[in-house]
């Protein structure tokens, strides 16, 4: 047991727990209204939105998984850096328009936007259910990150005893989310992001100093892992894989319900545009974070007997904890591990709130009880947020981690299929709701089939054209099919269906 790390970890965890409960009084509003509980009253300015989006997008699993991928696969893991750069022009150009539409009509989810655009409740339901199903494994993977750092401090066991720290953490998360709504993760995100910046900067300074500079770091990495492998023969190989992974991830990221929730909680389109300019600071940190994988290689933590059990239990996901334990004293390891654990709480809270908003607005009020009051709608959302957390906890306790990763793979290729309805629909009035529903179904089915051909173990599927192979991200191939079906069917149905209502600007 690493007691110095554990004591610091618990102290910081208790501090953010207190913040979470106090947040209900911060910018107090009527929490019996869904937009107050689930969107913070749409009153978060540039500063809070910056931390909220950062806490939402750069999660505990990011902190663990990106360096782990670089540690194991090398340069391919750096695809996460360009994709986070690609998303910010999209954020600047597209999402202020979406915010304006949502603000004018009181929309709280992307399903609301689609319903208002096309008047098709079945398409809205498909968009909402896709968001929930894609987000659930995302929440579960935050628990994987928390599991790793808790295990790194020597807290482990079998059965309920081994899972007890996770259960306690999620009971606390459920309590302050129920009480404070989106205000809780917004406030905690400030602490989480400051800790993440501190830890990443400290590690990227300390490790090169220990090794004698960045030169020894890169020289210790096998040459094959430093760059993408050049394609051999009639194939685009790792080049098309890298490019499509970056593009597909960029297109999908802000379609997740939790990302849209953070965007819609901002106070104005200007706040969104300013964040599009400021958020690349997180991409810089992500680049440094990816380098931690190479630093773990350089320090040979994988062959260190002290960390053998950690790598045996958690695989390459133990690369970052082992690096921190190898370089820093116990108390700072506690700070780092607390940053990662808090980095699990913030996005998990936002994700559960986002899913709850969909359950309450799209399913409960949209289908089950159309005449429900605003207070009833908010009450259902609070209960739904609890159920989402319980579901994620049960998922990670009883489902092996490889299956959780496979579900996350499916979630990514499913969520991108809502792009035509949510984003293209903002600009193209010729699209038809039923055609979009058909396109969504085709894209989802095709992507799932492609993933099944890899036994759900890879995100890449190879297409061949005129003797040349194009390995690429499954989500992109499925999205192309989705768009083709949506556009062609919309054109065919145009003579028989009235045009969509005029969008609000």
Foldseek 3Di string as FASTA:
>chain_A
DLVLLVVLLVVVLVVLLVLLQCLCVPLHDPLLFLCCQLQVVLAAFLVLLLLLLLLQQCFLLLLLPLLLCCLPQFPLSLLVLLLVLVQLVVLLPFVLLVLVQCVVVVNQFLLVVLCQFFVDLVLSLLLLVLLLLLCLLVLLSLVVSLLLLCVLSVLADDDCSRCVVVVVSLVSLLVSCLNRHLSSLSVLSVVLVVLLVVVLVVLLVQLQVVVVHCVLLVVLDPPPRHDPDCDDDQERPVVLASVQVSNLCSLQVCLRLLNVSSSSSHNHSVSSNVSSVVNSVVSVSSVSSNSLSSSLSSVVLCPDPVCVVSCVVSNSSNSVLSSCPVGDRSNSSSSVSSSSSSSSSSNLSSNLLSSLLCCLVSPCCVPPNVPDDSSVSSVSSSVSSSVSSVSSSCCNSPPDPQVSVLSNLLSSLLSSLCCCSSGVSSPDQLWHSVQSVVLSVQLSVQLVVQCVVVVSNDQWHWDDDPRHIRIYGSSVVSNVSSVVSRVVVSVVCVVPDDTTDDGDD
